[in-house]
N, C-alpha and C. Protein backbone atom coordinates (compact mmCIF):
# COMPACT_ATOMS: atom_id res chain seq x y z
N MET A 1 -0.46 -3.39 -41.42
CA MET A 1 -1.47 -4.15 -40.53
C MET A 1 -0.61 -4.97 -39.39
N ALA A 2 0.48 -5.45 -39.96
CA ALA A 2 1.31 -6.36 -39.07
C ALA A 2 1.87 -5.53 -37.80
N LEU A 3 2.17 -4.29 -38.16
CA LEU A 3 2.71 -3.37 -37.14
C LEU A 3 1.73 -3.03 -36.07
N LEU A 4 0.44 -2.93 -36.45
CA LEU A 4 -0.54 -2.68 -35.60
C LEU A 4 -0.72 -3.83 -34.67
N HIS A 5 -0.62 -5.14 -34.97
CA HIS A 5 -0.76 -6.34 -34.29
C HIS A 5 0.32 -6.39 -33.34
N LEU A 6 1.56 -5.80 -33.68
CA LEU A 6 2.75 -5.89 -32.55
C LEU A 6 2.55 -4.86 -31.68
N LEU A 7 1.83 -3.72 -31.87
CA LEU A 7 1.75 -2.63 -30.89
C LEU A 7 0.68 -2.74 -29.83
N THR A 8 -0.38 -3.73 -30.19
CA THR A 8 -1.42 -3.79 -29.22
C THR A 8 -1.14 -4.84 -28.20
N PRO A 9 -1.56 -4.59 -26.98
CA PRO A 9 -1.10 -5.52 -25.85
C PRO A 9 -2.16 -6.78 -26.10
N PRO A 10 -1.42 -7.96 -25.60
CA PRO A 10 -2.30 -9.28 -25.79
C PRO A 10 -3.46 -9.20 -24.76
N LEU A 11 -4.52 -9.81 -25.06
CA LEU A 11 -5.75 -9.81 -24.25
C LEU A 11 -5.64 -11.23 -23.61
N SER A 12 -6.03 -11.28 -22.24
CA SER A 12 -6.08 -12.43 -21.59
C SER A 12 -7.39 -13.00 -21.47
N LEU A 13 -7.69 -14.22 -22.04
CA LEU A 13 -8.88 -14.74 -22.11
C LEU A 13 -9.29 -15.63 -20.93
N THR A 14 -8.29 -15.96 -20.12
CA THR A 14 -8.50 -16.78 -18.93
C THR A 14 -9.04 -15.93 -17.74
N SER A 15 -8.65 -14.83 -17.56
CA SER A 15 -9.02 -14.17 -16.38
C SER A 15 -9.68 -12.74 -16.80
N PRO A 16 -10.67 -12.34 -16.11
CA PRO A 16 -11.39 -11.06 -16.32
C PRO A 16 -10.49 -9.88 -15.87
N PRO A 17 -10.60 -8.81 -16.38
CA PRO A 17 -9.85 -7.63 -15.77
C PRO A 17 -10.10 -7.39 -14.42
N SER A 18 -8.95 -7.12 -13.67
CA SER A 18 -9.11 -6.95 -12.20
C SER A 18 -9.75 -5.65 -11.78
N PRO A 19 -10.57 -5.71 -10.76
CA PRO A 19 -11.18 -4.47 -10.34
C PRO A 19 -10.04 -3.55 -9.70
N SER A 20 -10.47 -2.21 -9.32
CA SER A 20 -9.33 -1.45 -8.81
C SER A 20 -9.02 -1.92 -7.49
N PRO A 21 -7.70 -1.60 -7.15
CA PRO A 21 -7.14 -2.13 -5.90
C PRO A 21 -7.76 -1.56 -4.66
N PRO A 22 -7.95 -2.38 -3.51
CA PRO A 22 -8.70 -1.96 -2.43
C PRO A 22 -8.19 -0.51 -1.79
N ARG A 23 -6.91 -0.24 -1.93
CA ARG A 23 -6.43 1.03 -1.48
C ARG A 23 -7.09 2.04 -2.19
N ARG A 24 -7.03 1.94 -3.59
CA ARG A 24 -7.61 3.06 -4.32
C ARG A 24 -9.07 3.17 -4.06
N ARG A 25 -9.81 2.21 -3.88
CA ARG A 25 -11.30 2.25 -3.56
C ARG A 25 -11.36 3.03 -2.24
N ALA A 26 -10.67 2.56 -1.19
CA ALA A 26 -10.79 3.20 0.17
C ALA A 26 -10.52 4.71 0.04
N LEU A 27 -9.41 5.00 -0.65
CA LEU A 27 -9.09 6.51 -0.82
C LEU A 27 -10.24 7.25 -1.59
N SER A 28 -10.74 6.71 -2.55
CA SER A 28 -11.91 7.35 -3.34
C SER A 28 -13.07 7.59 -2.40
N LEU A 29 -13.46 6.50 -1.53
CA LEU A 29 -14.48 6.59 -0.59
C LEU A 29 -14.17 7.75 0.49
N ALA A 30 -12.99 7.85 0.92
CA ALA A 30 -12.56 8.76 1.92
C ALA A 30 -12.55 10.28 1.32
N ILE A 31 -12.24 10.39 0.00
CA ILE A 31 -12.17 11.72 -0.59
C ILE A 31 -13.66 12.07 -0.67
N SER A 32 -14.37 11.11 -1.29
CA SER A 32 -16.00 11.55 -1.52
C SER A 32 -16.54 11.99 -0.13
N ALA A 33 -16.18 11.22 0.99
CA ALA A 33 -16.77 11.54 2.23
C ALA A 33 -16.42 13.05 2.78
N ASN A 34 -15.03 13.31 2.61
CA ASN A 34 -14.50 14.65 2.83
C ASN A 34 -15.28 15.61 2.02
N LEU A 35 -15.40 15.30 0.66
CA LEU A 35 -16.00 16.28 -0.15
C LEU A 35 -17.44 16.63 0.24
N TYR A 36 -18.07 15.63 0.71
CA TYR A 36 -19.56 15.64 1.11
C TYR A 36 -19.57 16.64 2.47
N LEU A 37 -18.67 16.50 3.37
CA LEU A 37 -18.54 17.19 4.55
C LEU A 37 -18.30 18.74 4.28
N ARG A 38 -17.39 18.90 3.21
CA ARG A 38 -17.14 20.33 2.96
C ARG A 38 -18.22 20.99 2.26
N LEU A 39 -18.98 20.19 1.41
CA LEU A 39 -20.25 20.76 0.86
C LEU A 39 -21.30 21.20 1.92
N GLN A 40 -21.36 20.19 2.81
CA GLN A 40 -22.43 20.34 3.92
C GLN A 40 -22.02 21.59 4.77
N GLN A 41 -20.82 21.82 4.98
CA GLN A 41 -20.37 22.94 5.93
C GLN A 41 -20.68 24.38 5.19
N ASN A 42 -20.15 24.36 3.92
CA ASN A 42 -19.96 25.74 3.18
C ASN A 42 -21.26 26.10 2.46
N ASN A 43 -22.14 25.16 2.07
CA ASN A 43 -23.21 25.53 1.28
C ASN A 43 -24.64 25.63 2.17
N PRO A 44 -25.20 26.71 2.27
CA PRO A 44 -26.42 26.93 3.03
C PRO A 44 -27.59 26.12 2.41
N VAL A 45 -27.64 26.01 1.11
CA VAL A 45 -28.75 25.39 0.45
C VAL A 45 -28.68 23.70 0.77
N PHE A 46 -27.26 23.30 0.77
CA PHE A 46 -27.02 21.90 1.15
C PHE A 46 -27.38 21.60 2.51
N ASN A 47 -27.15 22.75 3.57
CA ASN A 47 -27.46 22.52 4.87
C ASN A 47 -28.91 22.29 5.12
N GLN A 48 -29.76 23.04 4.40
CA GLN A 48 -31.24 22.97 4.55
C GLN A 48 -31.76 21.51 4.25
N SER A 49 -31.22 21.05 3.07
CA SER A 49 -31.64 19.74 2.69
C SER A 49 -31.03 18.73 3.63
N SER A 50 -29.84 19.02 4.05
CA SER A 50 -29.44 17.95 5.00
C SER A 50 -30.15 17.80 6.35
N GLN A 51 -30.75 18.93 6.78
CA GLN A 51 -31.51 18.97 8.09
C GLN A 51 -32.70 18.03 7.92
N MET A 52 -33.22 17.94 6.71
CA MET A 52 -34.55 17.05 6.48
C MET A 52 -34.18 15.60 6.62
N GLY A 53 -33.10 15.22 6.10
CA GLY A 53 -32.72 13.85 6.03
C GLY A 53 -31.13 13.68 5.57
N SER A 54 -30.34 13.26 6.33
CA SER A 54 -28.90 13.07 5.78
C SER A 54 -28.69 11.90 5.26
N ALA A 55 -27.92 11.82 4.05
CA ALA A 55 -27.68 10.59 3.28
C ALA A 55 -26.55 9.74 3.98
N PHE A 56 -25.66 10.63 4.65
CA PHE A 56 -24.59 9.85 5.34
C PHE A 56 -24.58 10.42 6.84
N PRO A 57 -24.82 9.60 7.72
CA PRO A 57 -24.91 9.98 9.23
C PRO A 57 -23.32 10.33 9.51
N LEU A 58 -23.23 11.22 10.39
CA LEU A 58 -21.92 11.59 10.88
C LEU A 58 -21.18 10.41 11.61
N ALA A 59 -21.89 9.56 12.29
CA ALA A 59 -21.27 8.44 12.89
C ALA A 59 -20.66 7.44 11.79
N PHE A 60 -21.34 7.29 10.67
CA PHE A 60 -20.99 6.50 9.67
C PHE A 60 -19.61 7.11 9.08
N LEU A 61 -19.58 8.35 8.89
CA LEU A 61 -18.31 8.88 8.39
C LEU A 61 -17.28 8.84 9.21
N MET A 62 -17.54 9.03 10.48
CA MET A 62 -16.41 8.80 11.59
C MET A 62 -15.80 7.38 11.72
N ALA A 63 -16.75 6.47 11.62
CA ALA A 63 -16.34 4.90 11.51
C ALA A 63 -15.64 4.70 10.38
N MET A 64 -16.04 5.35 9.21
CA MET A 64 -15.11 5.03 7.94
C MET A 64 -13.97 5.50 8.09
N ARG A 65 -13.75 6.76 8.68
CA ARG A 65 -12.44 7.44 8.84
C ARG A 65 -11.43 6.62 9.81
N GLU A 66 -12.15 6.06 10.83
CA GLU A 66 -11.39 5.20 11.89
C GLU A 66 -10.90 3.86 11.22
N SER A 67 -11.82 3.38 10.39
CA SER A 67 -11.41 2.10 9.61
C SER A 67 -10.38 2.33 8.63
N LYS A 68 -10.27 3.57 8.04
CA LYS A 68 -9.26 3.76 7.13
C LYS A 68 -7.78 4.07 7.82
N GLN A 69 -7.87 4.72 9.02
CA GLN A 69 -6.78 4.73 9.85
C GLN A 69 -6.19 3.52 10.24
N GLN A 70 -7.09 2.54 10.60
CA GLN A 70 -6.81 1.32 11.04
C GLN A 70 -6.12 0.41 9.95
N MET A 71 -6.81 0.63 8.72
CA MET A 71 -6.19 -0.09 7.46
C MET A 71 -4.69 0.43 7.18
N ILE A 72 -4.53 1.80 7.52
CA ILE A 72 -3.19 2.34 7.24
C ILE A 72 -2.13 1.75 8.25
N LEU A 73 -2.56 1.67 9.62
CA LEU A 73 -1.72 1.07 10.54
C LEU A 73 -1.45 -0.40 10.31
N GLU A 74 -2.31 -0.93 9.86
CA GLU A 74 -2.02 -2.40 9.49
C GLU A 74 -1.07 -2.56 8.26
N GLN A 75 -1.26 -1.67 7.34
CA GLN A 75 -0.42 -1.72 6.14
C GLN A 75 1.09 -1.37 6.64
N ARG A 76 1.30 -0.32 7.56
CA ARG A 76 2.48 -0.02 7.93
C ARG A 76 3.20 -1.19 8.76
N LEU A 77 2.46 -1.87 9.48
CA LEU A 77 2.93 -3.09 10.17
C LEU A 77 3.32 -4.17 9.33
N LYS A 78 2.56 -4.33 8.23
CA LYS A 78 2.92 -5.36 7.21
C LYS A 78 4.29 -4.87 6.48
N MET A 79 4.37 -3.60 6.22
CA MET A 79 5.62 -3.06 5.51
C MET A 79 6.88 -3.26 6.33
N LYS A 80 6.74 -2.89 7.69
CA LYS A 80 7.79 -3.14 8.77
C LYS A 80 8.20 -4.56 8.68
N LEU A 81 7.20 -5.54 8.67
CA LEU A 81 7.71 -7.00 8.72
C LEU A 81 8.44 -7.45 7.41
N ALA A 82 7.73 -6.97 6.31
CA ALA A 82 8.38 -7.26 5.04
C ALA A 82 9.80 -6.60 4.87
N LYS A 83 10.04 -5.51 5.49
CA LYS A 83 11.31 -4.96 5.49
C LYS A 83 12.41 -5.82 6.27
N LYS A 84 11.83 -6.31 7.55
CA LYS A 84 12.81 -7.25 8.39
C LYS A 84 13.09 -8.44 7.45
N LEU A 85 12.09 -8.91 6.93
CA LEU A 85 12.30 -10.32 6.34
C LEU A 85 13.24 -10.10 4.99
N ARG A 86 13.17 -8.97 4.48
CA ARG A 86 13.91 -8.52 3.18
C ARG A 86 15.43 -8.33 3.58
N LEU A 87 15.65 -7.59 4.86
CA LEU A 87 17.07 -7.51 5.28
C LEU A 87 17.60 -8.79 5.78
N ARG A 88 16.78 -9.64 6.42
CA ARG A 88 17.22 -11.01 6.85
C ARG A 88 17.70 -11.82 5.67
N ARG A 89 16.84 -11.87 4.63
CA ARG A 89 17.26 -12.62 3.57
C ARG A 89 18.44 -12.15 2.83
N LYS A 90 18.68 -10.70 2.75
CA LYS A 90 19.85 -10.18 2.11
C LYS A 90 21.15 -10.52 2.91
N ARG A 91 20.96 -10.46 4.31
CA ARG A 91 22.08 -10.94 5.16
C ARG A 91 22.49 -12.29 5.05
N LEU A 92 21.51 -13.26 4.91
CA LEU A 92 21.70 -14.60 4.63
C LEU A 92 22.47 -14.96 3.37
N VAL A 93 21.88 -14.29 2.28
CA VAL A 93 22.51 -14.42 1.02
C VAL A 93 23.98 -14.02 0.93
N ARG A 94 24.19 -12.83 1.60
CA ARG A 94 25.67 -12.40 1.79
C ARG A 94 26.49 -13.43 2.48
N LYS A 95 26.01 -13.92 3.56
CA LYS A 95 26.64 -14.99 4.40
C LYS A 95 26.93 -16.13 3.43
N ARG A 96 26.03 -16.60 2.64
CA ARG A 96 26.17 -17.82 1.83
C ARG A 96 27.27 -17.53 0.67
N ARG A 97 27.29 -16.42 0.19
CA ARG A 97 28.27 -16.07 -0.84
C ARG A 97 29.62 -16.02 -0.20
N LEU A 98 29.76 -15.46 1.02
CA LEU A 98 31.12 -15.48 1.62
C LEU A 98 31.52 -16.82 2.03
N ARG A 99 30.66 -17.66 2.47
CA ARG A 99 31.03 -19.03 2.78
C ARG A 99 31.61 -19.77 1.50
N LYS A 100 30.91 -19.53 0.51
CA LYS A 100 31.27 -20.14 -0.74
C LYS A 100 32.72 -19.80 -1.20
N LYS A 101 33.06 -18.50 -0.83
CA LYS A 101 34.45 -17.89 -1.27
C LYS A 101 35.45 -18.22 -0.21
N GLY A 102 35.03 -18.92 0.92
CA GLY A 102 35.90 -19.12 2.03
C GLY A 102 36.13 -17.94 2.92
N ARG A 103 35.42 -17.05 3.02
CA ARG A 103 35.67 -15.86 3.76
C ARG A 103 34.67 -15.84 5.03
N TRP A 104 34.08 -16.77 5.30
CA TRP A 104 33.17 -16.86 6.53
C TRP A 104 33.69 -17.84 7.41
N PRO A 105 33.55 -17.97 8.65
CA PRO A 105 33.22 -16.76 9.42
C PRO A 105 34.34 -15.56 9.45
N PRO A 106 33.87 -14.33 9.49
CA PRO A 106 34.87 -13.38 9.41
C PRO A 106 35.58 -13.23 10.78
N SER A 107 36.86 -13.30 10.88
CA SER A 107 37.65 -13.16 12.04
C SER A 107 38.56 -12.07 12.15
N LYS A 108 38.59 -11.41 13.21
CA LYS A 108 39.51 -10.29 13.42
C LYS A 108 41.03 -10.70 13.48
N MET A 109 41.17 -11.93 13.80
CA MET A 109 42.62 -12.35 13.89
C MET A 109 43.32 -12.21 12.39
N LYS A 110 42.63 -12.61 11.40
CA LYS A 110 43.30 -12.56 10.22
C LYS A 110 43.71 -11.15 9.84
N LYS A 111 42.91 -10.14 10.31
CA LYS A 111 43.18 -8.75 9.99
C LYS A 111 44.37 -8.18 11.05
N LEU A 112 44.56 -8.93 12.15
CA LEU A 112 45.54 -8.47 13.12
C LEU A 112 46.77 -9.26 12.83
N LYS A 113 46.82 -10.22 11.89
CA LYS A 113 48.05 -11.10 11.65
C LYS A 113 49.35 -10.35 11.30
N ASN A 114 49.16 -9.20 10.50
CA ASN A 114 50.31 -8.33 10.01
C ASN A 114 50.69 -7.24 10.94
N VAL A 115 50.12 -7.17 12.04
CA VAL A 115 50.36 -5.99 12.91
C VAL A 115 51.75 -6.27 13.50
């Protein structure tokens, strides 16, 4: 019985379980929209019912696709900015360590001293 207690993950009583991430939700919506379009194009029975009244207007699907592209572009920009910050922080940490060891600022004169 004690072994079972050790193997089960602890439950958090303070916070409810988090919903699915926004990216996963957006991708699932995009996949369902693409599936709907494919069914509409390939199935003649589906085409007859869609002529009477469409559940998703084409303009709505196009707007959803554009918003997804916009979201992807924003994510790429955030990732680029995060990479720049990460590299800058790495450079500053390296500089701090070299200063601590007395090797900063790097000078080429030290290297040319024994020539």
